[in-house]
């Protein structure tokens, strides 16, 4: 469950308990006039009010703590409208995280991520957001189990699957480079009609005899 969902859940619980507390108080007022003759129901209601108050205090404390800790969460990086220097610094941190965390801890998963990923804008946005989520989940002293499960269930595989679709690069080079700049076998056509000169180029067959 994400942080926003947790806060919404706690808020819903708090509103529900407060409603129940108001209803019990109304019933106590109704029984107040008969306090001397019907002490039994009033005692039951007083006990119920005490329990509800304790529950309200507990939920309110959890809600306040969750809201207070929300200010310490990392924010997702942005890659638009940044100067060359600022983007280079941000990219250096992201590359370090990818190489030192993702490729070390998830080497099998990262096989699908080509080394040219820093040149693809989709990768900057996707991996930058993934890094922020990883920092939120694993950056503290304790790791919430539900968040760790969701990281492996959704965030990591989802990001890598989308990048695999968006970045279609092969062993010949990056798809963003012009085709003529990719690694390819040298073309010796028209190099020289003299086979002895042509043979001086690597990869060209040497003349017989």
Protein backbone atom coordinates (compact mmCIF):
# COMPACT_ATOMS: atom_id res chain seq x y z
CA UNK A 1 0.00 0.00 0.00
CA UNK A 2 1.42 3.39 -0.98
CA UNK A 3 1.83 6.34 1.38
CA UNK A 4 -1.17 8.22 -0.02
CA UNK A 5 -3.33 5.12 0.27
CA UNK A 6 -2.20 4.61 3.88
CA UNK A 7 -3.08 8.18 4.80
CA UNK A 8 -6.48 7.87 3.14
CA UNK A 9 -7.11 4.60 5.00
CA UNK A 10 -6.20 6.13 8.37
CA UNK A 11 -8.31 9.20 7.66
CA UNK A 12 -11.27 6.99 6.81
CA UNK A 13 -10.84 5.00 10.01
CA UNK A 14 -10.61 8.16 12.08
CA UNK A 15 -13.79 9.60 10.56
CA UNK A 16 -15.64 6.33 11.14
CA UNK A 17 -14.60 6.11 14.80
CA UNK A 18 -15.45 9.75 15.42
CA UNK A 19 -18.92 9.14 13.99
CA UNK A 20 -19.38 6.17 16.31
CA UNK A 21 -18.20 8.22 19.26
CA UNK A 22 -20.72 10.97 18.48
CA UNK A 23 -23.52 8.40 18.28
CA UNK A 24 -22.60 6.93 21.66
CA UNK A 25 -22.47 10.37 23.24
CA UNK A 26 -25.94 11.07 21.89
CA UNK A 27 -27.21 7.86 23.43
CA UNK A 28 -25.62 8.82 26.77
CA UNK A 29 -27.48 12.14 26.74
CA UNK A 30 -30.69 10.29 26.10
CA UNK A 31 -30.03 7.99 29.06
CA UNK A 32 -28.83 10.86 31.28
CA UNK A 33 -32.32 11.69 32.50
CA UNK A 34 -32.73 8.12 33.75
CA UNK A 35 -29.28 7.81 35.31
CA UNK A 36 -30.64 7.07 38.79
CA UNK A 37 -32.99 4.31 37.73
CA UNK A 38 -31.10 2.72 34.78
CA UNK A 39 -27.44 2.77 35.70
CA UNK A 40 -26.69 -0.49 33.86
CA UNK A 41 -27.04 0.81 30.28
CA UNK A 42 -25.21 4.02 31.16
CA UNK A 43 -22.22 2.11 32.55
CA UNK A 44 -22.09 0.06 29.35
CA UNK A 45 -22.15 3.24 27.29
CA UNK A 46 -19.44 4.85 29.39
CA UNK A 47 -17.20 1.84 28.81
CA UNK A 48 -17.93 2.00 25.10
CA UNK A 49 -17.08 5.71 25.00
CA UNK A 50 -13.77 5.07 26.75
CA UNK A 51 -12.80 2.42 24.22
CA UNK A 52 -13.79 4.63 21.31
CA UNK A 53 -11.79 7.56 22.71
CA UNK A 54 -8.72 5.35 23.03
CA UNK A 55 -9.19 4.19 19.45
CA UNK A 56 -9.59 7.79 18.23
CA UNK A 57 -6.39 8.81 20.01
CA UNK A 58 -4.47 5.86 18.55
CA UNK A 59 -5.61 6.47 14.98
CA UNK A 60 -5.08 10.21 15.27
CA UNK A 61 -1.53 9.63 16.48
CA UNK A 62 -0.78 7.27 13.58
CA UNK A 63 -2.27 9.74 11.12
CA UNK A 64 -0.23 12.63 12.50
CA UNK A 65 2.97 10.57 12.39
CA UNK A 66 2.31 9.48 8.81
CA UNK A 67 1.61 13.04 7.71
CA UNK A 68 4.72 14.34 9.47
CA UNK A 69 7.00 11.73 7.90
CA UNK A 70 5.62 12.52 4.46
CA UNK A 71 7.77 15.65 4.27
CA UNK A 72 10.96 13.56 4.39
CA UNK A 73 10.13 11.49 1.33
CA UNK A 74 12.31 11.86 -1.76
CA UNK A 75 10.82 13.65 -4.72
CA UNK A 76 10.96 12.32 -8.25
CA UNK A 77 13.61 14.06 -10.38
CA UNK A 78 12.64 16.10 -13.42
CA UNK A 79 14.52 16.15 -16.68
CA UNK A 80 12.79 19.01 -18.46
CA UNK A 81 13.92 22.62 -18.36
CA UNK A 82 17.30 21.87 -16.79
CA UNK A 83 20.59 23.37 -17.92
CA UNK A 84 23.38 21.15 -19.27
CA UNK A 85 25.37 21.35 -16.03
CA UNK A 86 22.43 20.53 -13.76
CA UNK A 87 21.33 17.64 -15.95
CA UNK A 88 24.87 16.26 -16.13
CA UNK A 89 25.13 16.24 -12.34
CA UNK A 90 21.74 14.59 -11.96
CA UNK A 91 22.62 12.01 -14.61
CA UNK A 92 25.90 11.19 -12.87
CA UNK A 93 24.02 10.30 -9.70
CA UNK A 94 21.51 8.20 -11.62
CA UNK A 95 24.22 6.31 -13.51
CA UNK A 96 26.01 5.58 -10.27
CA UNK A 97 22.83 4.15 -8.77
CA UNK A 98 22.08 2.03 -11.84
CA UNK A 99 25.63 0.63 -11.96
CA UNK A 100 26.18 0.17 -8.24
CA UNK A 101 22.71 -0.92 -7.13
CA UNK A 102 20.57 -2.24 -9.97
CA UNK A 103 23.30 -4.00 -11.98
CA UNK A 104 24.80 -5.46 -8.81
CA UNK A 105 21.61 -6.56 -7.05
CA UNK A 106 19.56 -7.46 -10.15
CA UNK A 107 22.09 -8.50 -12.83
CA UNK A 108 19.68 -10.83 -14.59
CA UNK A 109 16.96 -8.21 -14.84
CA UNK A 110 19.36 -5.56 -16.12
CA UNK A 111 20.51 -7.61 -19.11
CA UNK A 112 17.72 -6.03 -21.12
CA UNK A 113 18.96 -2.50 -20.39
CA UNK A 114 21.52 -1.48 -23.05
CA UNK A 115 24.57 0.57 -22.05
CA UNK A 116 23.36 3.48 -24.20
CA UNK A 117 20.35 4.12 -21.92
CA UNK A 118 21.66 7.53 -20.72
CA UNK A 119 21.06 8.86 -24.22
CA UNK A 120 17.37 7.98 -24.15
CA UNK A 121 15.02 10.45 -22.49
CA UNK A 122 12.54 7.73 -21.62
CA UNK A 123 15.20 6.01 -19.52
CA UNK A 124 16.06 9.17 -17.61
CA UNK A 125 12.46 9.70 -16.53
CA UNK A 126 11.74 6.04 -15.82
CA UNK A 127 14.95 5.19 -13.97
CA UNK A 128 14.99 8.52 -12.11
CA UNK A 129 11.53 7.83 -10.73
CA UNK A 130 12.51 4.24 -9.95
CA UNK A 131 15.53 5.48 -7.99
CA UNK A 132 13.33 7.82 -5.95
CA UNK A 133 10.96 4.97 -5.09
CA UNK A 134 13.87 2.69 -4.17
CA UNK A 135 15.22 5.41 -1.87
CA UNK A 136 11.80 5.79 -0.23
CA UNK A 137 11.45 2.05 0.37
CA UNK A 138 15.01 1.09 1.27
CA UNK A 139 16.50 4.40 2.38
CA UNK A 140 15.38 4.20 6.01
CA UNK A 141 16.32 1.97 8.91
CA UNK A 142 13.27 -0.26 8.48
CA UNK A 143 11.82 -1.49 5.18
CA UNK A 144 8.01 -1.90 5.09
CA UNK A 145 7.26 -5.40 3.84
CA UNK A 146 4.32 -4.32 1.68
CA UNK A 147 6.41 -1.62 -0.01
CA UNK A 148 9.28 -4.05 -0.67
CA UNK A 149 6.87 -6.57 -2.19
CA UNK A 150 5.30 -3.88 -4.37
CA UNK A 151 8.75 -2.74 -5.49
CA UNK A 152 9.50 -6.23 -6.87
CA UNK A 153 5.96 -6.89 -8.03
CA UNK A 154 5.32 -3.67 -9.91
CA UNK A 155 7.89 -0.88 -9.96
CA UNK A 156 11.10 -2.68 -11.03
CA UNK A 157 9.65 -5.10 -13.63
CA UNK A 158 7.23 -2.49 -14.93
CA UNK A 159 9.99 0.03 -15.55
CA UNK A 160 12.29 -2.47 -17.26
CA UNK A 161 9.47 -3.80 -19.44
CA UNK A 162 8.56 -0.33 -20.69
CA UNK A 163 12.19 0.54 -21.38
CA UNK A 164 12.71 -2.69 -23.28
CA UNK A 165 9.86 -1.64 -25.56
CA UNK A 166 11.03 1.97 -25.92
CA UNK A 167 14.77 1.38 -26.40
CA UNK A 168 15.24 -0.82 -29.45
CA UNK A 169 19.02 -0.98 -29.68
CA UNK A 170 21.08 -3.92 -30.88
CA UNK A 171 24.70 -5.02 -30.98
CA UNK A 172 25.26 -2.75 -33.97
CA UNK A 173 24.90 0.34 -31.80
CA UNK A 174 22.36 2.78 -30.43
CA UNK A 175 19.14 3.28 -32.38
CA UNK A 176 19.49 7.05 -31.95
CA UNK A 177 22.75 7.15 -33.90
CA UNK A 178 22.65 7.54 -37.68
CA UNK A 179 22.83 4.19 -39.35
CA UNK A 180 26.10 5.09 -41.12
CA UNK A 181 27.81 5.76 -37.79
CA UNK A 182 27.14 2.32 -36.37
CA UNK A 183 29.83 -0.34 -36.24
CA UNK A 184 29.94 -2.18 -39.52
CA UNK A 185 32.36 -4.13 -41.67
CA UNK A 186 34.63 -1.88 -43.73
CA UNK A 187 33.72 -1.37 -47.37
CA UNK A 188 36.67 -1.94 -49.65
CA UNK A 189 34.85 -1.43 -52.90
CA UNK A 190 36.86 0.90 -55.11
CA UNK A 191 39.76 1.07 -52.63
CA UNK A 192 42.34 0.07 -55.16
CA UNK A 193 42.60 -2.07 -58.19
CA UNK A 194 46.03 -3.18 -57.01
CA UNK A 195 45.41 -6.20 -54.75
CA UNK A 196 48.71 -5.61 -52.93
CA UNK A 197 47.54 -2.15 -51.80
CA UNK A 198 44.06 -3.32 -50.93
CA UNK A 199 45.53 -6.14 -48.84
CA UNK A 200 47.05 -3.58 -46.46
CA UNK A 201 43.56 -2.79 -45.07
CA UNK A 202 42.45 -5.01 -42.13
CA UNK A 203 39.87 -7.56 -43.11
CA UNK A 204 40.61 -7.50 -46.82
CA UNK A 205 41.66 -10.84 -48.31
CA UNK A 206 45.28 -11.05 -49.35
CA UNK A 207 46.08 -11.93 -52.98
CA UNK A 208 47.15 -15.44 -53.81
CA UNK A 209 50.59 -16.17 -55.21
